[in-house]
Amino acid sequence: STRFYQTAQDAIDEMYNNGTIIVAAAGNADW
């Protein structure tokens, strides 16, 4: 996605504290 959401960051922080790692693809748009 192209947009940052603080609510999504909060969810990721909760998952990290749960002991879960999120791995994501950086994107396909070229340099």
Full PDB file with SEQRES, HELIX, SHEET, SSBOND, CRYST1, ORIGX, SCALE, CONECT and MASTER records, all heavy atoms in Angstrom:
SEQRES   1 A   31  SER THR ARG PHE TYR GLN THR ALA GLN ASP ALA ILE ASP          
SEQRES   2 A   31  GLU MET TYR ASN ASN GLY THR ILE ILE VAL ALA ALA ALA          
SEQRES   3 A   31  GLY ASN ALA ASP TRP                                          
HELIX    1 AA1 GLN A    6  ASN A   18  1                                  13    
CRYST1    1.000    1.000    1.000  90.00  90.00  90.00 P 1           1          
ORIGX1      1.000000  0.000000  0.000000        0.00000                         
ORIGX2      0.000000  1.000000  0.000000        0.00000                         
ORIGX3      0.000000  0.000000  1.000000        0.00000                         
SCALE1      1.000000  0.000000  0.000000        0.00000                         
SCALE2      0.000000  1.000000  0.000000        0.00000                         
SCALE3      0.000000  0.000000  1.000000        0.00000                         
ATOM      1  N   SER A   1       0.862  -1.171   0.000  1.00  0.00           N  
ATOM      2  CA  SER A   1       0.000   0.000   0.000  1.00  0.00           C  
ATOM      3  C   SER A   1       0.903   1.226   0.000  1.00  0.00           C  
ATOM      4  O   SER A   1       2.064   1.145   0.411  1.00  0.00           O  
ATOM      5  CB  SER A   1      -0.884  -0.002   1.253  1.00  0.00           C  
ATOM      6  OG  SER A   1      -1.504   1.259   1.434  1.00  0.00           O  
ATOM      7  N   THR A   2       0.390   2.335  -0.471  1.00  0.00           N  
ATOM      8  CA  THR A   2       1.217   3.546  -0.532  1.00  0.00           C  
ATOM      9  C   THR A   2       1.051   4.437   0.684  1.00  0.00           C  
ATOM     10  O   THR A   2       1.759   5.426   0.832  1.00  0.00           O  
ATOM     11  CB  THR A   2       0.862   4.365  -1.785  1.00  0.00           C  
ATOM     12  OG1 THR A   2      -0.537   4.697  -1.745  1.00  0.00           O  
ATOM     13  CG2 THR A   2       1.168   3.585  -3.050  1.00  0.00           C  
ATOM     14  N   ARG A   3       0.109   4.087   1.594  1.00  0.00           N  
ATOM     15  CA  ARG A   3      -0.215   5.000   2.701  1.00  0.00           C  
ATOM     16  C   ARG A   3       0.194   4.436   4.059  1.00  0.00           C  
ATOM     17  O   ARG A   3       0.038   3.250   4.336  1.00  0.00           O  
ATOM     18  CB  ARG A   3      -1.716   5.304   2.723  1.00  0.00           C  
ATOM     19  CG  ARG A   3      -2.168   6.168   1.552  1.00  0.00           C  
ATOM     20  CD  ARG A   3      -3.581   6.665   1.784  1.00  0.00           C  
ATOM     21  NE  ARG A   3      -3.698   7.463   3.011  1.00  0.00           N  
ATOM     22  CZ  ARG A   3      -4.849   7.956   3.465  1.00  0.00           C  
ATOM     23  NH1 ARG A   3      -5.980   7.719   2.797  1.00  0.00           N  
ATOM     24  NH2 ARG A   3      -4.867   8.673   4.571  1.00  0.00           N  
ATOM     25  N   PHE A   4       0.715   5.336   4.888  1.00  0.00           N  
ATOM     26  CA  PHE A   4       1.025   5.010   6.277  1.00  0.00           C  
ATOM     27  C   PHE A   4      -0.207   5.236   7.132  1.00  0.00           C  
ATOM     28  O   PHE A   4      -0.883   6.259   7.015  1.00  0.00           O  
ATOM     29  CB  PHE A   4       2.168   5.899   6.780  1.00  0.00           C  
ATOM     30  CG  PHE A   4       2.440   5.780   8.260  1.00  0.00           C  
ATOM     31  CD1 PHE A   4       3.371   4.879   8.727  1.00  0.00           C  
ATOM     32  CD2 PHE A   4       1.744   6.569   9.176  1.00  0.00           C  
ATOM     33  CE1 PHE A   4       3.612   4.758  10.090  1.00  0.00           C  
ATOM     34  CE2 PHE A   4       1.978   6.465  10.544  1.00  0.00           C  
ATOM     35  CZ  PHE A   4       2.921   5.546  11.000  1.00  0.00           C  
ATOM     36  N   TYR A   5      -0.508   4.267   8.018  1.00  0.00           N  
ATOM     37  CA  TYR A   5      -1.594   4.420   8.986  1.00  0.00           C  
ATOM     38  C   TYR A   5      -1.039   4.148  10.372  1.00  0.00           C  
ATOM     39  O   TYR A   5      -0.446   3.079  10.612  1.00  0.00           O  
ATOM     40  CB  TYR A   5      -2.729   3.436   8.709  1.00  0.00           C  
ATOM     41  CG  TYR A   5      -3.461   3.671   7.410  1.00  0.00           C  
ATOM     42  CD1 TYR A   5      -3.151   2.908   6.287  1.00  0.00           C  
ATOM     43  CD2 TYR A   5      -4.463   4.635   7.302  1.00  0.00           C  
ATOM     44  CE1 TYR A   5      -3.825   3.101   5.083  1.00  0.00           C  
ATOM     45  CE2 TYR A   5      -5.139   4.831   6.108  1.00  0.00           C  
ATOM     46  CZ  TYR A   5      -4.812   4.072   5.004  1.00  0.00           C  
ATOM     47  OH  TYR A   5      -5.483   4.273   3.825  1.00  0.00           O  
ATOM     48  N   GLN A   6      -1.219   5.062  11.296  1.00  0.00           N  
ATOM     49  CA  GLN A   6      -0.732   4.855  12.658  1.00  0.00           C  
ATOM     50  C   GLN A   6      -1.431   3.660  13.298  1.00  0.00           C  
ATOM     51  O   GLN A   6      -0.834   2.919  14.079  1.00  0.00           O  
ATOM     52  CB  GLN A   6      -0.955   6.117  13.503  1.00  0.00           C  
ATOM     53  CG  GLN A   6      -0.381   6.013  14.913  1.00  0.00           C  
ATOM     54  CD  GLN A   6       1.117   5.730  14.933  1.00  0.00           C  
ATOM     55  OE1 GLN A   6       1.895   6.388  14.246  1.00  0.00           O  
ATOM     56  NE2 GLN A   6       1.523   4.720  15.723  1.00  0.00           N  
ATOM     57  N   THR A   7      -2.687   3.444  12.929  1.00  0.00           N  
ATOM     58  CA  THR A   7      -3.422   2.299  13.481  1.00  0.00           C  
ATOM     59  C   THR A   7      -2.780   0.976  13.047  1.00  0.00           C  
ATOM     60  O   THR A   7      -2.756   0.004  13.817  1.00  0.00           O  
ATOM     61  CB  THR A   7      -4.885   2.332  13.028  1.00  0.00           C  
ATOM     62  OG1 THR A   7      -4.931   2.586  11.606  1.00  0.00           O  
ATOM     63  CG2 THR A   7      -5.661   3.411  13.763  1.00  0.00           C  
ATOM     64  N   ALA A   8      -2.245   0.946  11.826  1.00  0.00           N  
ATOM     65  CA  ALA A   8      -1.561  -0.254  11.348  1.00  0.00           C  
ATOM     66  C   ALA A   8      -0.231  -0.438  12.084  1.00  0.00           C  
ATOM     67  O   ALA A   8       0.132  -1.555  12.462  1.00  0.00           O  
ATOM     68  CB  ALA A   8      -1.326  -0.174   9.846  1.00  0.00           C  
ATOM     69  N   GLN A   9       0.491   0.679  12.308  1.00  0.00           N  
ATOM     70  CA  GLN A   9       1.735   0.593  13.064  1.00  0.00           C  
ATOM     71  C   GLN A   9       1.456   0.095  14.485  1.00  0.00           C  
ATOM     72  O   GLN A   9       2.217  -0.719  15.023  1.00  0.00           O  
ATOM     73  CB  GLN A   9       2.434   1.949  13.108  1.00  0.00           C  
ATOM     74  CG  GLN A   9       3.751   1.965  13.882  1.00  0.00           C  
ATOM     75  CD  GLN A   9       4.816   1.091  13.246  1.00  0.00           C  
ATOM     76  OE1 GLN A   9       5.367   1.420  12.207  1.00  0.00           O  
ATOM     77  NE2 GLN A   9       5.110  -0.042  13.890  1.00  0.00           N  
ATOM     78  N   ASP A  10       0.380   0.547  15.073  1.00  0.00           N  
ATOM     79  CA  ASP A  10       0.018   0.089  16.417  1.00  0.00           C  
ATOM     80  C   ASP A  10      -0.245  -1.417  16.418  1.00  0.00           C  
ATOM     81  O   ASP A  10       0.142  -2.129  17.364  1.00  0.00           O  
ATOM     82  CB  ASP A  10      -1.226   0.831  16.918  1.00  0.00           C  
ATOM     83  CG  ASP A  10      -0.971   2.312  17.154  1.00  0.00           C  
ATOM     84  OD1 ASP A  10       0.220   2.707  17.249  1.00  0.00           O  
ATOM     85  OD2 ASP A  10      -1.956   3.080  17.226  1.00  0.00           O  
ATOM     86  N   ALA A  11      -0.902  -1.900  15.364  1.00  0.00           N  
ATOM     87  CA  ALA A  11      -1.181  -3.337  15.264  1.00  0.00           C  
ATOM     88  C   ALA A  11       0.118  -4.135  15.146  1.00  0.00           C  
ATOM     89  O   ALA A  11       0.276  -5.195  15.768  1.00  0.00           O  
ATOM     90  CB  ALA A  11      -2.080  -3.613  14.058  1.00  0.00           C  
ATOM     91  N   ILE A  12       1.049  -3.619  14.352  1.00  0.00           N  
ATOM     92  CA  ILE A  12       2.335  -4.305  14.186  1.00  0.00           C  
ATOM     93  C   ILE A  12       3.115  -4.313  15.495  1.00  0.00           C  
ATOM     94  O   ILE A  12       3.735  -5.326  15.863  1.00  0.00           O  
ATOM     95  CB  ILE A  12       3.144  -3.654  13.046  1.00  0.00           C  
ATOM     96  CG1 ILE A  12       2.534  -4.052  11.696  1.00  0.00           C  
ATOM     97  CG2 ILE A  12       4.616  -4.062  13.108  1.00  0.00           C  
ATOM     98  CD1 ILE A  12       3.019  -3.295  10.530  1.00  0.00           C  
ATOM     99  N   ASP A  13       3.058  -3.206  16.222  1.00  0.00           N  
ATOM    100  CA  ASP A  13       3.729  -3.153  17.525  1.00  0.00           C  
ATOM    101  C   ASP A  13       3.150  -4.204  18.475  1.00  0.00           C  
ATOM    102  O   ASP A  13       3.882  -4.866  19.223  1.00  0.00           O  
ATOM    103  CB  ASP A  13       3.603  -1.762  18.141  1.00  0.00           C  
ATOM    104  CG  ASP A  13       4.397  -0.714  17.375  1.00  0.00           C  
ATOM    105  OD1 ASP A  13       5.284  -1.096  16.586  1.00  0.00           O  
ATOM    106  OD2 ASP A  13       4.118   0.492  17.563  1.00  0.00           O  
ATOM    107  N   GLU A  14       1.826  -4.351  18.436  1.00  0.00           N  
ATOM    108  CA  GLU A  14       1.197  -5.367  19.294  1.00  0.00           C  
ATOM    109  C   GLU A  14       1.670  -6.766  18.897  1.00  0.00           C  
ATOM    110  O   GLU A  14       1.989  -7.596  19.762  1.00  0.00           O  
ATOM    111  CB  GLU A  14      -0.330  -5.288  19.194  1.00  0.00           C  
ATOM    112  CG  GLU A  14      -1.020  -6.371  20.045  1.00  0.00           C  
ATOM    113  CD  GLU A  14      -2.529  -6.395  19.893  1.00  0.00           C  
ATOM    114  OE1 GLU A  14      -3.142  -5.327  19.694  1.00  0.00           O  
ATOM    115  OE2 GLU A  14      -3.099  -7.505  19.996  1.00  0.00           O  
ATOM    116  N   MET A  15       1.717  -7.033  17.585  1.00  0.00           N  
ATOM    117  CA  MET A  15       2.159  -8.356  17.117  1.00  0.00           C  
ATOM    118  C   MET A  15       3.608  -8.622  17.507  1.00  0.00           C  
ATOM    119  O   MET A  15       3.960  -9.738  17.921  1.00  0.00           O  
ATOM    120  CB  MET A  15       1.967  -8.454  15.601  1.00  0.00           C  
ATOM    121  CG  MET A  15       0.511  -8.556  15.191  1.00  0.00           C  
ATOM    122  SD  MET A  15       0.280  -8.794  13.424  1.00  0.00           S  
ATOM    123  CE  MET A  15       0.330  -7.113  12.816  1.00  0.00           C  
ATOM    124  N   TYR A  16       4.436  -7.608  17.396  1.00  0.00           N  
ATOM    125  CA  TYR A  16       5.846  -7.750  17.784  1.00  0.00           C  
ATOM    126  C   TYR A  16       5.948  -8.086  19.273  1.00  0.00           C  
ATOM    127  O   TYR A  16       6.717  -8.977  19.665  1.00  0.00           O  
ATOM    128  CB  TYR A  16       6.585  -6.452  17.463  1.00  0.00           C  
ATOM    129  CG  TYR A  16       8.087  -6.512  17.638  1.00  0.00           C  
ATOM    130  CD1 TYR A  16       8.896  -7.110  16.683  1.00  0.00           C  
ATOM    131  CD2 TYR A  16       8.684  -5.959  18.771  1.00  0.00           C  
ATOM    132  CE1 TYR A  16      10.281  -7.159  16.845  1.00  0.00           C  
ATOM    133  CE2 TYR A  16      10.056  -6.002  18.933  1.00  0.00           C  
ATOM    134  CZ  TYR A  16      10.854  -6.600  17.966  1.00  0.00           C  
ATOM    135  OH  TYR A  16      12.219  -6.649  18.140  1.00  0.00           O  
ATOM    136  N   ASN A  17       5.158  -7.422  20.071  1.00  0.00           N  
ATOM    137  CA  ASN A  17       5.143  -7.701  21.511  1.00  0.00           C  
ATOM    138  C   ASN A  17       4.580  -9.086  21.810  1.00  0.00           C  
ATOM    139  O   ASN A  17       4.902  -9.688  22.832  1.00  0.00           O  
ATOM    140  CB  ASN A  17       4.349  -6.627  22.258  1.00  0.00           C  
ATOM    141  CG  ASN A  17       5.055  -5.283  22.248  1.00  0.00           C  
ATOM    142  OD1 ASN A  17       6.281  -5.213  22.193  1.00  0.00           O  
ATOM    143  ND2 ASN A  17       4.287  -4.197  22.276  1.00  0.00           N  
ATOM    144  N   ASN A  18       3.733  -9.592  20.905  1.00  0.00           N  
ATOM    145  CA  ASN A  18       3.215 -10.960  21.023  1.00  0.00           C  
ATOM    146  C   ASN A  18       4.278 -12.001  20.679  1.00  0.00           C  
ATOM    147  O   ASN A  18       4.083 -13.191  20.923  1.00  0.00           O  
ATOM    148  CB  ASN A  18       2.036 -11.187  20.054  1.00  0.00           C  
ATOM    149  CG  ASN A  18       0.769 -10.487  20.482  1.00  0.00           C  
ATOM    150  OD1 ASN A  18       0.663 -10.041  21.617  1.00  0.00           O  
ATOM    151  ND2 ASN A  18      -0.189 -10.385  19.571  1.00  0.00           N  
ATOM    152  N   GLY A  19       5.371 -11.553  20.048  1.00  0.00           N  
ATOM    153  CA  GLY A  19       6.395 -12.488  19.585  1.00  0.00           C  
ATOM    154  C   GLY A  19       6.235 -12.892  18.143  1.00  0.00           C  
ATOM    155  O   GLY A  19       6.732 -13.941  17.718  1.00  0.00           O  
ATOM    156  N   THR A  20       5.557 -12.063  17.334  1.00  0.00           N  
ATOM    157  CA  THR A  20       5.339 -12.348  15.913  1.00  0.00           C  
ATOM    158  C   THR A  20       6.124 -11.369  15.056  1.00  0.00           C  
ATOM    159  O   THR A  20       6.037 -10.153  15.241  1.00  0.00           O  
ATOM    160  CB  THR A  20       3.843 -12.233  15.558  1.00  0.00           C  
ATOM    161  OG1 THR A  20       3.095 -13.134  16.381  1.00  0.00           O  
ATOM    162  CG2 THR A  20       3.610 -12.583  14.087  1.00  0.00           C  
ATOM    163  N   ILE A  21       6.874 -11.902  14.078  1.00  0.00           N  
ATOM    164  CA  ILE A  21       7.629 -11.079  13.136  1.00  0.00           C  
ATOM    165  C   ILE A  21       6.830 -10.943  11.841  1.00  0.00           C  
ATOM    166  O   ILE A  21       6.326 -11.942  11.311  1.00  0.00           O  
ATOM    167  CB  ILE A  21       8.990 -11.719  12.809  1.00  0.00           C  
ATOM    168  CG1 ILE A  21       9.801 -11.995  14.077  1.00  0.00           C  
ATOM    169  CG2 ILE A  21       9.780 -10.843  11.837  1.00  0.00           C  
ATOM    170  CD1 ILE A  21      10.320 -10.780  14.779  1.00  0.00           C  
ATOM    171  N   ILE A  22       6.717  -9.736  11.318  1.00  0.00           N  
ATOM    172  CA  ILE A  22       6.081  -9.495  10.017  1.00  0.00           C  
ATOM    173  C   ILE A  22       7.166  -9.302   8.970  1.00  0.00           C  
ATOM    174  O   ILE A  22       8.109  -8.535   9.171  1.00  0.00           O  
ATOM    175  CB  ILE A  22       5.171  -8.246  10.050  1.00  0.00           C  
ATOM    176  CG1 ILE A  22       4.164  -8.340  11.205  1.00  0.00           C  
ATOM    177  CG2 ILE A  22       4.457  -8.077   8.710  1.00  0.00           C  
ATOM    178  CD1 ILE A  22       3.220  -9.508  11.125  1.00  0.00           C  
ATOM    179  N   VAL A  23       7.031 -10.026   7.858  1.00  0.00           N  
ATOM    180  CA  VAL A  23       7.953  -9.895   6.724  1.00  0.00           C  
ATOM    181  C   VAL A  23       7.149  -9.434   5.523  1.00  0.00           C  
ATOM    182  O   VAL A  23       6.076  -9.985   5.238  1.00  0.00           O  
ATOM    183  CB  VAL A  23       8.647 -11.237   6.398  1.00  0.00           C  
ATOM    184  CG1 VAL A  23       9.607 -11.074   5.221  1.00  0.00           C  
ATOM    185  CG2 VAL A  23       9.387 -11.780   7.616  1.00  0.00           C  
ATOM    186  N   ALA A  24       7.646  -8.433   4.810  1.00  0.00           N  
ATOM    187  CA  ALA A  24       6.873  -7.880   3.691  1.00  0.00           C  
ATOM    188  C   ALA A  24       7.760  -7.563   2.493  1.00  0.00           C  
ATOM    189  O   ALA A  24       8.939  -7.232   2.649  1.00  0.00           O  
ATOM    190  CB  ALA A  24       6.129  -6.620   4.133  1.00  0.00           C  
ATOM    191  N   ALA A  25       7.173  -7.671   1.316  1.00  0.00           N  
ATOM    192  CA  ALA A  25       7.862  -7.310   0.082  1.00  0.00           C  
ATOM    193  C   ALA A  25       7.960  -5.797  -0.015  1.00  0.00           C  
ATOM    194  O   ALA A  25       7.011  -5.076   0.287  1.00  0.00           O  
ATOM    195  CB  ALA A  25       7.100  -7.866  -1.119  1.00  0.00           C  
ATOM    196  N   ALA A  26       9.133  -5.313  -0.448  1.00  0.00           N  
ATOM    197  CA  ALA A  26       9.384  -3.869  -0.478  1.00  0.00           C  
ATOM    198  C   ALA A  26       8.582  -3.157  -1.559  1.00  0.00           C  
ATOM    199  O   ALA A  26       8.242  -1.984  -1.411  1.00  0.00           O  
ATOM    200  CB  ALA A  26      10.872  -3.611  -0.689  1.00  0.00           C  
ATOM    201  N   GLY A  27       8.260  -3.851  -2.652  1.00  0.00           N  
ATOM    202  CA  GLY A  27       7.531  -3.242  -3.758  1.00  0.00           C  
ATOM    203  C   GLY A  27       8.212  -3.504  -5.080  1.00  0.00           C  
ATOM    204  O   GLY A  27       9.385  -3.898  -5.132  1.00  0.00           O  
ATOM    205  N   ASN A  28       7.507  -3.270  -6.181  1.00  0.00           N  
ATOM    206  CA  ASN A  28       8.028  -3.575  -7.515  1.00  0.00           C  
ATOM    207  C   ASN A  28       8.426  -2.358  -8.337  1.00  0.00           C  
ATOM    208  O   ASN A  28       9.051  -2.499  -9.384  1.00  0.00           O  
ATOM    209  CB  ASN A  28       6.998  -4.387  -8.311  1.00  0.00           C  
ATOM    210  CG  ASN A  28       6.810  -5.780  -7.744  1.00  0.00           C  
ATOM    211  OD1 ASN A  28       7.709  -6.335  -7.114  1.00  0.00           O  
ATOM    212  ND2 ASN A  28       5.633  -6.349  -7.951  1.00  0.00           N  
ATOM    213  N   ALA A  29       8.047  -1.170  -7.894  1.00  0.00           N  
ATOM    214  CA  ALA A  29       8.382   0.031  -8.684  1.00  0.00           C  
ATOM    215  C   ALA A  29       9.900   0.184  -8.765  1.00  0.00           C  
ATOM    216  O   ALA A  29      10.594   0.107  -7.751  1.00  0.00           O  
ATOM    217  CB  ALA A  29       7.757   1.256  -8.043  1.00  0.00           C  
ATOM    218  N   ASP A  30      10.419   0.402  -9.970  1.00  0.00           N  
ATOM    219  CA  ASP A  30      11.873   0.392 -10.156  1.00  0.00           C  
ATOM    220  C   ASP A  30      12.512   1.729  -9.761  1.00  0.00           C  
ATOM    221  O   ASP A  30      11.834   2.740  -9.563  1.00  0.00           O  
ATOM    222  CB  ASP A  30      12.231   0.022 -11.596  1.00  0.00           C  
ATOM    223  CG  ASP A  30      11.770   1.046 -12.602  1.00  0.00           C  
ATOM    224  OD1 ASP A  30      12.401   2.130 -12.660  1.00  0.00           O  
ATOM    225  OD2 ASP A  30      10.800   0.788 -13.343  1.00  0.00           O  
ATOM    226  N   TRP A  31      13.845   1.699  -9.678  1.00  0.00           N  
ATOM    227  CA  TRP A  31      14.607   2.853  -9.191  1.00  0.00           C  
ATOM    228  C   TRP A  31      14.428   4.087 -10.079  1.00  0.00           C  
ATOM    229  O   TRP A  31      14.430   5.219  -9.589  1.00  0.00           O  
ATOM    230  CB  TRP A  31      16.088   2.490  -9.093  1.00  0.00           C  
ATOM    231  CG  TRP A  31      16.921   3.583  -8.498  1.00  0.00           C  
ATOM    232  CD1 TRP A  31      17.548   4.597  -9.154  1.00  0.00           C  
ATOM    233  CD2 TRP A  31      17.220   3.773  -7.113  1.00  0.00           C  
ATOM    234  NE1 TRP A  31      18.218   5.424  -8.281  1.00  0.00           N  
ATOM    235  CE2 TRP A  31      18.031   4.930  -7.010  1.00  0.00           C  
ATOM    236  CE3 TRP A  31      16.875   3.084  -5.950  1.00  0.00           C  
ATOM    237  CZ2 TRP A  31      18.505   5.397  -5.779  1.00  0.00           C  
ATOM    238  CZ3 TRP A  31      17.347   3.548  -4.739  1.00  0.00           C  
ATOM    239  CH2 TRP A  31      18.149   4.702  -4.660  1.00  0.00           C  
TER     240      TRP A  31                                                      
MASTER        0    0    0    1    0    0    0    6  239    1    0    3          
END                                                                             
